[in-house]
Amino acid sequence: MSDLNKLGLAEARDLLRKGETTSVELTESCLSAIDAADALNAFVHKTPEIALERAKAADARIAEGDAPAMCGLPIGIKDLFCTKGVDSQAASRILEGFKPEYESTVSQNLVDAGAVMLGKLNMDEFAMGSSNETSVYGNVVSPWRRGNDDAELTPGGSSGGSASAVAADLCLAATGTDTGGSIRQPAAFTGITGIKPTYGRCSRWGVVAFASSLDQAGPMTKNVRDAAIMLEAMCSHDPKDSTSADLAVPNFEAMLTGDIKGKKIGIPKEYRMDGMPGEIEKLWSDGAEMLKAAGAEIVDISLPHTKYALPAYYVIAPAEASSNLARYDGVRYGHRATLAQGDGITEMYEKTRAEGFGPEVQRRVMIGTYVLSAGFYDAYYNRARRVRTLIKKDFEDVFAAGIDAILTPATPSAAFGLGEMTDADPVQMYLNDVFTVTVNLAGLPGIAVPAGLDKQGLPLGLQLIGRPWEEGDLLNTAYALEDAAGFVAKPAKWW
């Protein structure tokens, strides 16, 4: 069977179990696709030897009848996840040459489930960015094009390598991380599905930290069923992560019935932003009608503190980043600057960080250090934390009133061109997260589902926000939306 790399997880799993293909064949198909797609710059550390070794082991496991759902399925791993013996740089020069002696809990869970790692995926440096233009490896390019225009487009960020690789069929699925929308925004930009689970559902151990109270791993897949399959494999309680929830992980796939009759879907009035493109407005309205036609009740709701979410996020996230990134000093691992005669430890810190961190990371570390400094801690950081509590309460009140899920746009626009935002105010780039950051601040699950194309033929996504720990119910609502939207568009191959 040709084009095995174009399969989704569920399709490939079923073929493996029927004996109609092998993991080695699937893996070789993906490896060939990866080698032919260097123009996308999605895979930055290829691991074909590891992939084929794991594929052979998976085939043996399947033959013995010991095959979890992910067994034998080739996937990509975002460069933020530590993988034993394989470069794990978080797309930063400061971690150049770092090969961990341990495996992150999430990637270990996938190894244990028999998944096949094809390699490490490009991303924004330390997950800081919305366009995958801050990576030490260079920009990731989206497989999509605007009409007949050859301009290179962003796949979104920070999980841009994951999004581009899944959309271009270089792998069957990929891991991503989401601190303020970094799974959902790139998924929407590239016409794939991405879910950020409830904070604490996936272990953060072994995932390079950006903002510890916001970061959460999740799957990026070709459809909702695949997201359910992969999310179950990624989740677990982890004693090594104090924020990991000691809760049983349900069989998410078994919960995909498509029946949402009687479910109450909230439409928050605060998400109707000034200057929102008409195409986004129409997509949102159409999505609500699709869910209504499927039997859901559409309810107008209010989340009054939404307008404060973005400024609160861009105080809290840099503050936590400045604390987390203080460990990168050139002493024990990663990049160390060349020192001049007479330089001491202070000069080593300064020169190493100046060389190792890119401009966006430096900007956020400076902001974070500023808002945590003695004179500004209460004025900025503590105030942002209080706003965060109010945002969380807005959602709690809505869910307590009987709302099952909330429907919003995923992004304020379709994908923009690489370099188009270079001269813009950094705040303009931060506005890409306007619909997604509230979910991280409140620790809720959120999923982006492709729902249409804009007039230039680019994907547009809708976001569903669910109740905490009810990813199964959220996935089922997304499954109904996916079915109604009928999105099947794929990028025309140019690479």
Protein backbone atom coordinates (compact mmCIF):
# COMPACT_ATOMS: atom_id res chain seq x y z
CA MET A 1 0.00 0.00 0.00
CA SER A 2 1.47 3.36 -1.04
CA ASP A 3 1.29 6.65 0.85
CA LEU A 4 1.08 4.98 4.24
CA ASN A 5 2.31 8.25 5.79
CA LYS A 6 -1.02 9.83 4.84
CA LEU A 7 -2.93 7.59 7.24
CA GLY A 8 -4.22 8.72 10.60
CA LEU A 9 -3.53 6.88 13.85
CA ALA A 10 -6.84 4.99 13.96
CA GLU A 11 -6.62 3.87 10.30
CA ALA A 12 -3.02 2.73 10.67
CA ARG A 13 -3.74 0.94 13.95
CA ASP A 14 -6.59 -1.01 12.34
CA LEU A 15 -4.43 -2.01 9.35
CA LEU A 16 -1.64 -3.16 11.70
CA ARG A 17 -4.04 -5.29 13.71
CA LYS A 18 -5.46 -6.87 10.54
CA GLY A 19 -1.94 -7.64 9.35
CA GLU A 20 -2.42 -5.56 6.21
CA THR A 21 0.73 -3.51 6.83
CA THR A 22 3.63 -3.44 9.28
CA SER A 23 5.08 -0.79 11.54
CA VAL A 24 8.33 -1.00 9.57
CA GLU A 25 6.45 -0.18 6.34
CA LEU A 26 4.61 2.69 8.00
CA THR A 27 7.86 4.02 9.45
CA GLU A 28 9.78 3.76 6.18
CA SER A 29 6.99 5.65 4.40
CA CYS A 30 7.20 8.48 6.96
CA LEU A 31 11.02 8.55 6.88
CA SER A 32 10.92 8.92 3.07
CA ALA A 33 8.39 11.75 3.38
CA ILE A 34 10.57 13.49 5.99
CA ASP A 35 13.69 13.29 3.80
CA ALA A 36 11.75 14.80 0.90
CA ALA A 37 10.42 17.69 3.00
CA ASP A 38 13.53 19.51 4.20
CA ALA A 39 12.05 22.69 2.70
CA LEU A 40 9.51 22.73 5.54
CA ASN A 41 12.26 22.57 8.21
CA ALA A 42 9.88 20.67 10.50
CA PHE A 43 12.16 17.82 11.64
CA VAL A 44 15.44 19.10 13.11
CA HIS A 45 16.88 15.92 14.67
CA LYS A 46 16.02 12.86 12.57
CA THR A 47 16.27 9.48 14.33
CA PRO A 48 15.76 6.84 11.61
CA GLU A 49 17.82 4.16 13.44
CA ILE A 50 15.74 4.51 16.62
CA ALA A 51 12.55 4.60 14.53
CA LEU A 52 13.25 1.36 12.66
CA GLU A 53 14.42 -0.41 15.81
CA ARG A 54 11.19 0.53 17.61
CA ALA A 55 9.11 -0.36 14.55
CA LYS A 56 10.59 -3.87 14.48
CA ALA A 57 9.93 -4.26 18.21
CA ALA A 58 6.34 -3.05 17.68
CA ASP A 59 5.77 -5.56 14.87
CA ALA A 60 6.94 -8.35 17.18
CA ARG A 61 4.62 -7.08 19.91
CA ILE A 62 1.66 -6.93 17.53
CA ALA A 63 2.40 -10.47 16.32
CA GLU A 64 2.26 -11.67 19.92
CA GLY A 65 -1.14 -9.99 20.41
CA ASP A 66 0.25 -7.42 22.87
CA ALA A 67 -0.67 -4.21 21.05
CA PRO A 68 -1.85 -1.04 22.81
CA ALA A 69 -3.59 1.48 20.56
CA MET A 70 -0.39 3.44 19.77
CA CYS A 71 1.76 0.36 19.14
CA GLY A 72 3.74 0.64 15.90
CA LEU A 73 2.51 4.13 15.01
CA PRO A 74 5.19 6.62 13.81
CA ILE A 75 5.06 10.05 15.48
CA GLY A 76 7.17 13.19 15.88
CA ILE A 77 8.30 14.58 19.24
CA LYS A 78 8.54 18.33 19.86
CA ASP A 79 12.08 19.41 20.72
CA LEU A 80 10.85 20.59 24.15
CA PHE A 81 10.55 16.96 25.36
CA CYS A 82 13.74 15.41 26.72
CA THR A 83 14.51 12.17 24.87
CA LYS A 84 17.27 9.92 26.13
CA GLY A 85 20.45 10.12 24.08
CA VAL A 86 18.83 12.40 21.47
CA ASP A 87 19.41 16.15 21.12
CA SER A 88 16.85 18.06 23.16
CA GLN A 89 17.55 21.73 22.59
CA ALA A 90 14.19 23.51 23.00
CA ALA A 91 15.26 25.17 19.71
CA SER A 92 17.81 27.26 21.62
CA ARG A 93 21.54 27.72 21.10
CA ILE A 94 22.04 27.68 24.86
CA LEU A 95 21.18 23.95 24.94
CA GLU A 96 23.39 23.09 21.97
CA GLY A 97 24.73 19.55 22.28
CA PHE A 98 22.48 18.62 25.23
CA LYS A 99 21.55 14.93 25.07
CA PRO A 100 19.62 13.94 28.22
CA GLU A 101 20.31 10.71 30.07
CA TYR A 102 16.60 10.40 30.80
CA GLU A 103 13.25 10.40 29.00
CA SER A 104 10.36 12.77 29.70
CA THR A 105 7.36 11.05 31.27
CA VAL A 106 5.11 11.81 28.28
CA SER A 107 7.58 10.49 25.70
CA GLN A 108 8.27 7.46 27.94
CA ASN A 109 4.53 6.76 28.10
CA LEU A 110 4.47 6.78 24.30
CA VAL A 111 7.54 4.50 24.13
CA ASP A 112 5.83 2.12 26.56
CA ALA A 113 2.72 2.18 24.36
CA GLY A 114 4.86 1.08 21.41
CA ALA A 115 4.84 4.38 19.49
CA VAL A 116 7.71 4.93 17.06
CA MET A 117 9.72 8.19 17.38
CA LEU A 118 10.74 9.49 13.95
CA GLY A 119 12.71 12.43 15.32
CA LYS A 120 12.53 15.79 17.06
CA LEU A 121 10.42 18.64 15.74
CA ASN A 122 11.21 22.32 15.34
CA MET A 123 9.56 24.93 17.55
CA ASP A 124 9.90 28.50 18.80
CA GLU A 125 12.86 28.91 21.16
CA PHE A 126 11.82 27.75 24.65
CA ALA A 127 8.23 27.73 23.31
CA MET A 128 8.24 31.55 23.16
CA GLY A 129 6.53 32.64 19.96
CA SER A 130 3.39 32.40 17.85
CA SER A 131 4.92 31.93 14.40
CA ASN A 132 7.92 29.56 14.73
CA GLU A 133 10.33 32.34 13.73
CA THR A 134 12.40 32.37 16.95
CA SER A 135 14.05 28.95 16.53
CA VAL A 136 17.83 28.51 16.41
CA TYR A 137 17.16 26.00 13.61
CA GLY A 138 15.44 28.64 11.46
CA ASN A 139 11.80 29.14 10.52
CA VAL A 140 9.34 26.30 10.05
CA VAL A 141 7.34 26.68 6.83
CA SER A 142 3.67 25.77 6.59
CA PRO A 143 2.76 23.25 3.87
CA TRP A 144 -0.17 25.56 2.97
CA ARG A 145 -0.12 28.35 0.38
CA ARG A 146 -2.43 31.34 -0.21
CA GLY A 147 -4.16 30.72 -3.53
CA ASN A 148 -1.52 30.92 -6.27
CA ASP A 149 0.85 32.91 -4.05
CA ASP A 150 4.26 31.34 -3.38
CA ALA A 151 4.89 33.33 -0.19
CA GLU A 152 5.97 31.12 2.71
CA LEU A 153 3.44 31.05 5.55
CA THR A 154 3.82 30.47 9.26
CA PRO A 155 2.52 27.16 10.65
CA GLY A 156 1.92 28.99 13.95
CA GLY A 157 3.83 28.54 17.17
CA SER A 158 5.32 27.46 19.32
CA SER A 159 4.47 23.91 18.15
CA GLY A 160 4.96 24.89 14.50
CA GLY A 161 7.18 21.95 13.59
CA SER A 162 4.57 19.54 14.97
CA ALA A 163 1.76 21.27 13.07
CA SER A 164 3.64 21.42 9.78
CA ALA A 165 4.77 17.78 10.03
CA VAL A 166 1.26 16.45 10.74
CA ALA A 167 -0.40 18.63 8.07
CA ALA A 168 2.20 17.58 5.48
CA ASP A 169 1.83 13.86 6.37
CA LEU A 170 5.45 13.52 7.51
CA CYS A 171 4.21 11.65 10.59
CA LEU A 172 0.89 10.23 11.72
CA ALA A 173 0.73 12.55 14.74
CA ALA A 174 3.01 14.60 17.00
CA THR A 175 3.40 15.85 20.54
CA GLY A 176 2.98 19.55 21.26
CA THR A 177 2.97 21.79 24.30
CA ASP A 178 0.59 24.63 25.08
CA THR A 179 1.43 27.52 27.42
CA GLY A 180 -0.90 30.13 25.92
CA GLY A 181 -2.25 28.45 22.79
CA SER A 182 0.83 26.76 21.32
CA ILE A 183 -1.04 23.58 20.38
CA ARG A 184 -4.37 25.10 19.38
CA GLN A 185 -3.17 28.10 17.32
CA PRO A 186 -0.80 26.11 15.04
CA ALA A 187 -3.41 23.36 14.70
CA ALA A 188 -5.92 25.96 13.49
CA PHE A 189 -3.37 27.51 11.10
CA THR A 190 -2.58 24.16 9.45
CA GLY A 191 -5.97 22.44 9.33
CA ILE A 192 -5.31 19.75 11.95
CA THR A 193 -6.67 18.94 15.42
CA GLY A 194 -4.88 19.87 18.65
CA ILE A 195 -5.98 19.44 22.24
CA LYS A 196 -4.57 20.99 25.41
CA PRO A 197 -5.77 18.83 28.30
CA THR A 198 -6.57 20.05 31.81
CA TYR A 199 -3.50 21.32 33.66
CA GLY A 200 -2.10 18.30 35.50
CA ARG A 201 -3.51 15.64 33.16
CA CYS A 202 -0.13 15.15 31.41
CA SER A 203 3.11 15.13 33.39
CA ARG A 204 5.46 18.07 32.86
CA TRP A 205 8.49 16.07 34.07
CA GLY A 206 11.24 16.09 31.46
CA VAL A 207 9.56 18.83 29.42
CA VAL A 208 11.78 21.93 29.26
CA ALA A 209 9.92 24.55 31.30
CA PHE A 210 8.68 27.88 29.99
CA ALA A 211 5.98 28.90 32.50
CA SER A 212 5.40 26.12 35.00
CA SER A 213 1.85 27.03 36.05
CA LEU A 214 0.68 27.23 32.42
CA ASP A 215 2.63 24.60 30.41
CA GLN A 216 0.76 21.46 29.38
CA ALA A 217 1.56 18.75 26.83
CA GLY A 218 -0.98 17.44 24.34
CA PRO A 219 -1.34 15.65 20.99
CA MET A 220 -1.52 17.19 17.51
CA THR A 221 -3.30 14.86 15.12
CA LYS A 222 -5.15 14.56 11.82
CA ASN A 223 -8.59 14.23 13.42
CA VAL A 224 -10.45 14.08 16.73
CA ARG A 225 -10.44 10.27 17.04
CA ASP A 226 -6.66 10.26 16.71
CA ALA A 227 -6.44 12.98 19.38
CA ALA A 228 -8.46 10.79 21.75
CA ILE A 229 -6.20 7.77 21.10
CA MET A 230 -2.94 9.66 21.57
CA LEU A 231 -4.08 11.72 24.57
CA GLU A 232 -4.91 8.55 26.51
CA ALA A 233 -1.41 7.20 25.83
CA MET A 234 0.25 10.48 26.90
CA CYS A 235 -1.64 10.94 30.18
CA SER A 236 -0.69 9.42 33.51
CA HIS A 237 -0.22 10.30 37.14
CA ASP A 238 3.45 11.03 37.78
CA PRO A 239 4.94 11.19 41.31
CA LYS A 240 7.91 13.08 39.79
CA ASP A 241 5.60 16.03 38.93
CA SER A 242 3.95 17.62 41.96
CA THR A 243 1.26 19.19 39.73
CA SER A 244 0.32 15.85 38.14
CA ALA A 245 -3.23 14.78 39.00
CA ASP A 246 -3.76 11.38 40.59
CA LEU A 247 -6.82 10.58 38.50
CA ALA A 248 -7.69 7.57 36.39
CA VAL A 249 -7.25 8.13 32.64
CA PRO A 250 -10.46 7.21 30.78
CA ASN A 251 -10.69 5.48 27.42
CA PHE A 252 -11.25 8.71 25.51
CA GLU A 253 -11.85 6.99 22.19
CA ALA A 254 -14.72 4.94 23.64
CA MET A 255 -16.44 8.21 24.59
CA LEU A 256 -16.69 9.36 20.95
CA THR A 257 -20.36 8.74 20.23
CA GLY A 258 -21.08 11.99 18.39
CA ASP A 259 -24.25 12.34 20.45
CA ILE A 260 -24.44 15.84 21.95
CA LYS A 261 -28.22 16.12 22.26
CA GLY A 262 -29.13 18.33 25.20
CA LYS A 263 -25.59 19.64 25.71
CA LYS A 264 -25.39 23.35 26.48
CA ILE A 265 -22.79 25.21 24.42
CA GLY A 266 -21.86 28.69 25.61
CA ILE A 267 -21.05 31.57 23.24
CA PRO A 268 -19.10 34.23 25.18
CA LYS A 269 -19.94 37.78 24.10
CA GLU A 270 -16.50 39.04 25.19
CA TYR A 271 -14.81 37.06 22.40
CA ARG A 272 -16.46 39.29 19.78
CA MET A 273 -13.44 41.52 19.28
CA ASP A 274 -13.36 44.88 17.49
CA GLY A 275 -11.99 44.44 14.00
CA MET A 276 -12.57 40.68 13.94
CA PRO A 277 -12.47 39.52 10.29
CA GLY A 278 -15.87 38.72 8.84
CA GLU A 279 -14.68 35.24 7.88
CA ILE A 280 -13.86 34.42 11.53
CA GLU A 281 -17.22 35.84 12.66
CA LYS A 282 -19.07 33.73 10.07
CA LEU A 283 -17.11 30.59 10.92
CA TRP A 284 -18.00 31.01 14.59
CA SER A 285 -21.68 31.56 13.77
CA ASP A 286 -21.69 28.56 11.41
CA GLY A 287 -20.05 26.40 14.09
CA ALA A 288 -22.77 27.30 16.57
CA GLU A 289 -25.43 26.39 13.99
CA MET A 290 -23.70 23.04 13.32
CA LEU A 291 -23.75 22.16 17.01
CA LYS A 292 -27.36 23.29 17.29
CA ALA A 293 -28.31 21.09 14.34
CA ALA A 294 -26.60 18.18 16.12
CA GLY A 295 -28.95 18.65 19.08
CA ALA A 296 -27.03 21.01 21.35
CA GLU A 297 -28.54 24.09 22.97
CA ILE A 298 -26.69 27.33 22.18
CA VAL A 299 -26.55 29.75 25.13
CA ASP A 300 -25.13 33.28 25.21
CA ILE A 301 -22.77 33.65 28.16
CA SER A 302 -20.48 36.24 29.70
CA LEU A 303 -16.86 35.86 30.77
CA PRO A 304 -16.42 39.44 32.03
CA HIS A 305 -12.70 39.42 32.79
CA THR A 306 -11.64 38.15 29.35
CA LYS A 307 -10.23 41.54 28.29
CA TYR A 308 -7.63 41.35 31.06
CA ALA A 309 -6.42 37.85 30.10
CA LEU A 310 -3.74 38.78 27.57
CA PRO A 311 -2.00 41.43 29.74
CA ALA A 312 -2.19 39.13 32.79
CA TYR A 313 -0.73 36.26 30.77
CA TYR A 314 2.15 38.40 29.48
CA VAL A 315 3.05 39.30 33.05
CA ILE A 316 2.75 35.81 34.58
CA ALA A 317 4.38 33.82 31.75
CA PRO A 318 7.54 35.98 31.46
CA ALA A 319 7.84 36.09 35.26
CA GLU A 320 7.86 32.30 35.45
CA ALA A 321 10.15 32.11 32.40
CA SER A 322 12.73 34.41 33.98
CA SER A 323 12.81 32.12 37.02
CA ASN A 324 12.94 28.88 34.99
CA LEU A 325 15.59 30.08 32.55
CA ALA A 326 17.95 31.23 35.30
CA ARG A 327 19.35 27.66 35.33
CA TYR A 328 20.93 28.16 31.88
CA ASP A 329 24.27 29.66 32.81
CA GLY A 330 26.91 27.70 30.89
CA VAL A 331 28.23 25.95 33.99
CA ARG A 332 27.20 22.30 33.65
CA TYR A 333 25.67 21.68 30.22
CA GLY A 334 24.79 23.34 26.93
CA HIS A 335 26.52 26.33 25.38
CA ARG A 336 29.30 28.21 27.19
CA ALA A 337 30.74 31.44 25.82
CA THR A 338 34.46 31.81 25.21
CA LEU A 339 35.85 33.96 28.01
CA ALA A 340 38.57 36.59 27.85
CA GLN A 341 41.57 36.67 30.16
CA GLY A 342 40.46 37.87 33.59
CA ASP A 343 36.73 37.14 33.06
CA GLY A 344 34.97 35.77 36.13
CA ILE A 345 31.73 33.88 36.70
CA THR A 346 29.59 37.00 36.21
CA GLU A 347 31.10 37.61 32.76
CA MET A 348 30.57 33.94 31.91
CA TYR A 349 26.87 34.19 32.80
CA GLU A 350 26.43 37.41 30.85
CA LYS A 351 28.28 36.34 27.70
CA THR A 352 26.76 32.82 27.66
CA ARG A 353 23.21 34.12 27.97
CA ALA A 354 23.78 36.91 25.46
CA GLU A 355 25.02 34.35 22.90
CA GLY A 356 22.69 31.50 23.87
CA PHE A 357 19.29 33.20 24.14
CA GLY A 358 17.57 34.71 21.09
CA PRO A 359 15.95 38.19 21.09
CA GLU A 360 12.41 37.04 21.98
CA VAL A 361 13.63 34.94 24.92
CA GLN A 362 15.82 37.83 26.10
CA ARG A 363 12.82 40.19 25.88
CA ARG A 364 10.60 37.92 27.95
CA VAL A 365 13.28 37.21 30.55
CA MET A 366 13.84 40.97 30.94
CA ILE A 367 10.09 41.60 31.30
CA GLY A 368 9.78 38.76 33.80
CA THR A 369 12.72 39.92 35.88
CA TYR A 370 11.28 43.45 35.88
CA VAL A 371 7.81 42.44 37.09
CA LEU A 372 9.33 40.28 39.83
CA SER A 373 11.70 42.99 41.07
CA ALA A 374 11.17 44.47 44.51
CA GLY A 375 9.49 47.70 43.44
CA PHE A 376 7.10 46.16 40.92
CA TYR A 377 6.16 42.73 42.34
CA ASP A 378 2.84 43.93 43.79
CA ALA A 379 2.10 46.40 41.00
CA TYR A 380 2.41 43.81 38.24
CA TYR A 381 2.89 40.17 39.24
CA ASN A 382 0.51 40.01 42.22
CA ARG A 383 -2.10 42.03 40.36
CA ALA A 384 -1.86 39.63 37.39
CA ARG A 385 -2.31 36.68 39.73
CA ARG A 386 -5.47 38.25 41.16
CA VAL A 387 -6.80 38.79 37.63
CA ARG A 388 -6.03 35.15 36.87
CA THR A 389 -8.21 34.10 39.83
CA LEU A 390 -11.09 36.22 38.50
CA ILE A 391 -10.75 34.69 35.01
CA LYS A 392 -10.83 31.19 36.52
CA LYS A 393 -13.95 32.12 38.51
CA ASP A 394 -15.69 33.38 35.35
CA PHE A 395 -15.39 29.87 33.88
CA GLU A 396 -16.40 28.19 37.15
CA ASP A 397 -19.57 30.31 37.31
CA VAL A 398 -20.50 29.48 33.71
CA PHE A 399 -19.95 25.75 34.19
CA ALA A 400 -21.86 25.83 37.48
CA ALA A 401 -24.80 27.35 35.57
CA GLY A 402 -24.97 24.19 33.42
CA ILE A 403 -22.79 25.01 30.40
CA ASP A 404 -21.05 21.86 29.07
CA ALA A 405 -18.60 23.48 26.64
CA ILE A 406 -17.77 26.90 25.24
CA LEU A 407 -17.35 27.62 21.51
CA THR A 408 -14.98 30.37 20.34
CA PRO A 409 -12.73 31.11 17.37
CA ALA A 410 -9.28 29.53 17.69
CA THR A 411 -7.33 32.41 16.12
CA PRO A 412 -8.07 36.01 15.07
CA SER A 413 -7.02 35.28 11.47
CA ALA A 414 -5.73 32.63 9.10
CA ALA A 415 -1.97 32.00 8.87
CA PHE A 416 0.14 35.03 7.96
CA GLY A 417 3.33 35.13 5.94
CA LEU A 418 6.74 34.48 7.47
CA GLY A 419 8.43 37.82 8.01
CA GLU A 420 5.20 39.81 7.74
CA MET A 421 5.23 40.60 11.47
CA THR A 422 8.99 41.25 11.73
CA ASP A 423 8.65 45.03 12.03
CA ALA A 424 5.41 44.97 14.00
CA ASP A 425 5.14 45.85 17.66
CA PRO A 426 5.71 42.58 19.65
CA VAL A 427 2.24 43.07 21.15
CA GLN A 428 0.75 42.56 17.66
CA MET A 429 2.27 39.06 17.64
CA TYR A 430 1.02 38.39 21.16
CA LEU A 431 -2.55 39.11 19.97
CA ASN A 432 -2.47 35.76 18.14
CA ASP A 433 -3.14 34.20 21.56
CA VAL A 434 -6.15 36.38 22.35
CA PHE A 435 -8.68 33.50 22.19
CA THR A 436 -6.48 30.84 23.78
CA VAL A 437 -4.66 32.26 26.83
CA THR A 438 -7.75 32.27 29.08
CA VAL A 439 -7.82 28.46 28.89
CA ASN A 440 -4.25 28.19 30.24
CA LEU A 441 -4.82 30.80 32.94
CA ALA A 442 -7.84 28.79 34.16
CA GLY A 443 -6.15 25.38 33.69
CA LEU A 444 -8.99 24.11 31.47
CA PRO A 445 -9.00 21.69 28.52
CA GLY A 446 -9.33 23.24 25.07
CA ILE A 447 -9.35 21.78 21.57
CA ALA A 448 -8.96 23.33 18.11
CA VAL A 449 -10.87 21.70 15.25
CA PRO A 450 -10.49 22.69 11.57
CA ALA A 451 -13.83 24.01 10.38
CA GLY A 452 -13.40 25.84 7.09
CA LEU A 453 -11.21 27.74 4.62
CA ASP A 454 -10.83 31.47 4.15
CA LYS A 455 -11.20 33.15 0.76
CA GLN A 456 -7.51 32.51 0.06
CA GLY A 457 -7.90 28.79 0.68
CA LEU A 458 -6.25 28.72 4.12
CA PRO A 459 -7.59 26.69 7.08
CA LEU A 460 -9.60 28.29 9.87
CA GLY A 461 -10.25 26.58 13.19
CA LEU A 462 -12.80 26.72 15.98
CA GLN A 463 -12.01 26.20 19.66
CA LEU A 464 -14.06 24.30 22.20
CA ILE A 465 -13.33 24.83 25.91
CA GLY A 466 -14.42 22.11 28.33
CA ARG A 467 -14.94 21.49 32.02
CA PRO A 468 -11.84 20.53 34.02
CA TRP A 469 -10.95 16.80 33.77
CA GLU A 470 -13.77 16.18 31.26
CA GLU A 471 -11.61 15.78 28.17
CA GLY A 472 -13.74 12.82 27.07
CA ASP A 473 -16.88 14.94 26.92
CA LEU A 474 -14.96 17.76 25.20
CA LEU A 475 -13.55 15.36 22.60
CA ASN A 476 -17.04 14.03 21.92
CA THR A 477 -18.39 17.54 21.32
CA ALA A 478 -15.40 18.21 19.04
CA TYR A 479 -16.14 14.91 17.26
CA ALA A 480 -19.69 16.11 16.53
CA LEU A 481 -18.38 19.49 15.32
CA GLU A 482 -15.77 17.79 13.12
CA ASP A 483 -18.44 15.58 11.57
CA ALA A 484 -20.72 18.53 10.87
CA ALA A 485 -17.95 20.73 9.46
CA GLY A 486 -16.71 17.95 7.15
CA PHE A 487 -13.26 19.53 6.75
CA VAL A 488 -11.16 17.39 4.39
CA ALA A 489 -8.92 19.96 2.70
CA LYS A 490 -5.20 19.18 2.44
CA PRO A 491 -2.35 21.42 1.32
CA ALA A 492 -1.28 21.01 -2.31
CA LYS A 493 2.22 19.52 -2.29
CA TRP A 494 4.88 22.02 -3.40
CA TRP A 495 7.88 20.99 -1.28
